Amino acid sequence: MNDLSTPLTDEECDLLDRFLLERIDEEADTLDKDEGVLDISELDGLFTALVSGPISTVPSQWLPAVWGNFAPVWGSEKEFQEIFSLMIRHMNSIAHILMEFPEVFEPLFLEREVEGDTYTNGTKLRRLFLCRAEFIRPVAVGGYPHCGYIRDDRWNGNVVGRMNSTLQWAE
C-alpha cells in the first residue's frame, strides 16, 4: 500500500482515468445533467486549481463536483478506498510539485482512442487552468470570495478566466 504522498504510477493513472469515464453507464440519460469529471486530465485540472486557490477544500466539498449527478455505486468499502486514495495521492503530488518545484509543473493530458481516432484530452486552450470545467468547478467548490468571471467572445462566450485584486491577466 502506498502512502498518500506517493505520486501515481502510469498504471494507477490509467485505472483512475478508466474509473472516471466508466462510472457512468453508456445507457444513462445524461441530457442536461452534470456528468462531473470524466477523465484524469480534467481531474488534474480541478485538483491543480483547488490546491492553487486561496482556500483549502476538503473531500466533502470537491467529491460532489467530481461525481456530478452520477455518484458511483460502490461494491465495497475497499473499492471506494482504492479510488479515493488514488485521488488524494494525485492531489497531494500536484500540491507538492507546485510548492516545491513550480517551474517543472505540467498539466496532465492523456490520449484516448475512440473508434480508431486518437484524441488528446484537454486539446482546448488551457492557460493557467482556464478551461471551463477546471475553473468553474474549483471556484464553486472552494467558494472563493471576490472572484469575477471573464467571458471572451472568441471562445463562444465561455468563461475563460477570473480576475480579482491579486490576479491580473496578461495577453
Protein backbone atom coordinates (compact mmCIF):
# COMPACT_ATOMS: atom_id res chain seq x y z
CA MET A 1 0.00 0.00 0.00
CA ASN A 2 1.35 3.42 -0.95
CA ASP A 3 1.18 6.33 1.45
CA LEU A 4 -0.90 9.35 0.47
CA SER A 5 2.08 11.35 -0.80
CA THR A 6 3.36 8.84 -3.36
CA PRO A 7 2.78 10.03 -6.96
CA LEU A 8 0.59 7.81 -9.10
CA THR A 9 2.19 5.31 -11.42
CA ASP A 10 1.16 5.20 -15.09
CA GLU A 11 -0.95 2.13 -14.33
CA GLU A 12 -2.71 3.91 -11.46
CA CYS A 13 -3.37 6.95 -13.68
CA ASP A 14 -4.92 4.62 -16.26
CA LEU A 15 -7.03 2.90 -13.58
CA LEU A 16 -8.35 6.22 -12.28
CA ASP A 17 -8.95 7.51 -15.81
CA ARG A 18 -10.98 4.39 -16.73
CA PHE A 19 -12.93 4.56 -13.48
CA LEU A 20 -13.95 8.20 -14.03
CA LEU A 21 -15.20 7.52 -17.54
CA GLU A 22 -16.79 4.14 -16.95
CA ARG A 23 -18.68 5.08 -13.76
CA ILE A 24 -21.46 6.43 -15.98
CA ASP A 25 -23.37 3.71 -17.79
CA GLU A 26 -23.41 4.22 -21.55
CA GLU A 27 -27.20 3.93 -21.49
CA ALA A 28 -27.60 6.56 -18.75
CA ASP A 29 -29.64 9.66 -19.53
CA THR A 30 -27.02 12.41 -19.39
CA LEU A 31 -29.01 15.09 -21.20
CA ASP A 32 -28.97 18.32 -19.18
CA LYS A 33 -27.15 16.58 -16.32
CA ASP A 34 -23.76 17.25 -14.83
CA GLU A 35 -21.51 14.32 -15.70
CA GLY A 36 -18.85 15.56 -13.32
CA VAL A 37 -15.22 14.83 -14.07
CA LEU A 38 -14.85 12.32 -16.90
CA ASP A 39 -11.12 11.69 -17.09
CA ILE A 40 -7.89 12.12 -15.20
CA SER A 41 -6.87 15.13 -17.30
CA GLU A 42 -9.95 17.01 -16.10
CA LEU A 43 -9.38 15.76 -12.54
CA ASP A 44 -5.79 17.00 -12.78
CA GLY A 45 -7.06 20.46 -13.76
CA LEU A 46 -9.63 20.50 -10.97
CA PHE A 47 -7.09 19.48 -8.36
CA THR A 48 -4.48 21.92 -9.68
CA ALA A 49 -6.92 24.79 -9.39
CA LEU A 50 -8.07 23.69 -5.93
CA VAL A 51 -4.58 23.37 -4.47
CA SER A 52 -3.59 26.68 -6.10
CA GLY A 53 -6.55 28.52 -4.64
CA PRO A 54 -6.62 30.70 -1.56
CA ILE A 55 -8.99 28.44 0.39
CA SER A 56 -8.37 24.85 1.47
CA THR A 57 -11.08 22.41 0.48
CA VAL A 58 -11.95 19.06 1.97
CA PRO A 59 -13.12 16.00 0.04
CA SER A 60 -16.73 16.51 1.09
CA GLN A 61 -16.58 19.78 -0.87
CA TRP A 62 -14.89 18.54 -4.04
CA LEU A 63 -16.19 14.96 -4.37
CA PRO A 64 -19.69 16.14 -5.40
CA ALA A 65 -18.05 18.17 -8.18
CA VAL A 66 -16.14 15.08 -9.33
CA TRP A 67 -19.28 12.93 -9.42
CA GLY A 68 -21.76 15.49 -10.75
CA ASN A 69 -25.16 13.81 -11.00
CA PHE A 70 -23.52 10.38 -11.33
CA ALA A 71 -22.07 9.33 -7.99
CA PRO A 72 -20.70 5.81 -8.27
CA VAL A 73 -22.31 2.85 -6.59
CA TRP A 74 -19.54 1.21 -4.60
CA GLY A 75 -19.31 -2.57 -4.38
CA SER A 76 -17.36 -2.35 -1.13
CA GLU A 77 -15.54 -0.03 1.23
CA LYS A 78 -12.28 -1.38 -0.22
CA GLU A 79 -13.29 -0.30 -3.74
CA PHE A 80 -14.09 3.21 -2.51
CA GLN A 81 -10.81 3.44 -0.56
CA GLU A 82 -8.78 2.35 -3.59
CA ILE A 83 -10.21 5.07 -5.86
CA PHE A 84 -10.31 7.70 -3.12
CA SER A 85 -6.67 7.11 -2.16
CA LEU A 86 -5.64 7.46 -5.82
CA MET A 87 -7.42 10.83 -5.94
CA ILE A 88 -5.83 12.03 -2.69
CA ARG A 89 -2.38 10.90 -3.80
CA HIS A 90 -2.78 12.70 -7.12
CA MET A 91 -3.94 15.89 -5.42
CA ASN A 92 -1.10 15.72 -2.91
CA SER A 93 1.52 15.19 -5.61
CA ILE A 94 0.22 18.23 -7.52
CA ALA A 95 0.39 20.31 -4.34
CA HIS A 96 3.93 19.08 -3.65
CA ILE A 97 5.16 19.91 -7.15
CA LEU A 98 3.55 23.36 -7.12
CA MET A 99 5.02 24.18 -3.71
CA GLU A 100 8.49 22.72 -4.17
CA PHE A 101 9.16 22.73 -7.93
CA PRO A 102 6.63 25.01 -9.66
CA GLU A 103 8.93 25.53 -12.65
CA VAL A 104 8.61 21.84 -13.64
CA PHE A 105 4.83 21.56 -13.25
CA GLU A 106 2.98 20.41 -16.35
CA PRO A 107 -0.72 19.63 -16.64
CA LEU A 108 -1.64 16.04 -17.38
CA PHE A 109 -3.06 15.43 -20.86
CA LEU A 110 -3.76 11.80 -21.72
CA GLU A 111 -4.77 10.41 -25.08
CA ARG A 112 -7.92 8.39 -25.69
CA GLU A 113 -8.78 6.29 -28.71
CA VAL A 114 -12.39 6.42 -29.88
CA GLU A 115 -13.47 4.44 -32.92
CA GLY A 116 -9.94 4.38 -34.31
CA ASP A 117 -9.24 8.10 -33.80
CA THR A 118 -6.84 9.30 -31.11
CA TYR A 119 -7.79 12.36 -29.10
CA THR A 120 -5.69 14.24 -26.60
CA ASN A 121 -7.72 15.09 -23.54
CA GLY A 122 -7.53 18.81 -22.97
CA THR A 123 -6.99 19.91 -26.53
CA LYS A 124 -8.75 23.20 -25.80
CA LEU A 125 -6.71 26.17 -24.70
CA ARG A 126 -5.75 25.65 -21.09
CA ARG A 127 -3.78 28.57 -19.91
CA LEU A 128 -3.47 28.95 -16.17
CA PHE A 129 -6.33 26.48 -15.62
CA LEU A 130 -8.76 28.48 -17.71
CA CYS A 131 -10.76 25.63 -19.21
CA ARG A 132 -14.35 25.95 -18.05
CA ALA A 133 -14.51 22.67 -16.13
CA GLU A 134 -11.17 23.22 -14.44
CA PHE A 135 -12.03 26.76 -13.49
CA ILE A 136 -15.72 26.95 -12.66
CA ARG A 137 -15.77 23.80 -10.55
CA PRO A 138 -12.93 24.91 -8.25
CA VAL A 139 -14.44 28.36 -7.84
CA ALA A 140 -17.78 26.81 -6.92
CA VAL A 141 -16.22 24.13 -4.71
CA GLY A 142 -13.79 26.45 -2.98
CA GLY A 143 -16.33 29.22 -2.50
CA TYR A 144 -13.68 31.75 -3.40
CA PRO A 145 -14.77 35.25 -2.45
CA HIS A 146 -14.39 38.25 -4.75
CA CYS A 147 -13.99 36.22 -7.93
CA GLY A 148 -15.43 37.70 -11.06
CA TYR A 149 -15.65 35.79 -14.30
CA ILE A 150 -14.19 36.95 -17.58
CA ARG A 151 -16.12 35.97 -20.67
CA ASP A 152 -14.45 36.01 -24.05
CA ASP A 153 -16.44 36.02 -27.28
CA ARG A 154 -13.51 34.38 -29.09
CA TRP A 155 -14.38 31.24 -27.10
CA ASN A 156 -18.16 31.32 -27.70
CA GLY A 157 -18.76 33.30 -24.53
CA ASN A 158 -17.33 30.60 -22.30
CA VAL A 159 -15.77 31.61 -19.05
CA VAL A 160 -12.05 31.79 -19.71
CA GLY A 161 -10.71 33.22 -16.51
CA ARG A 162 -11.19 35.14 -13.37
CA MET A 163 -9.96 38.39 -12.12
CA ASN A 164 -9.62 39.63 -8.57
CA SER A 165 -7.46 42.08 -6.72
CA THR A 166 -4.48 39.71 -6.67
CA LEU A 167 -4.52 38.49 -10.25
CA GLN A 168 -4.14 40.48 -13.43
CA TRP A 169 -4.35 38.83 -16.84
CA ALA A 170 -1.64 39.30 -19.39
CA GLU A 171 -2.25 38.63 -23.07
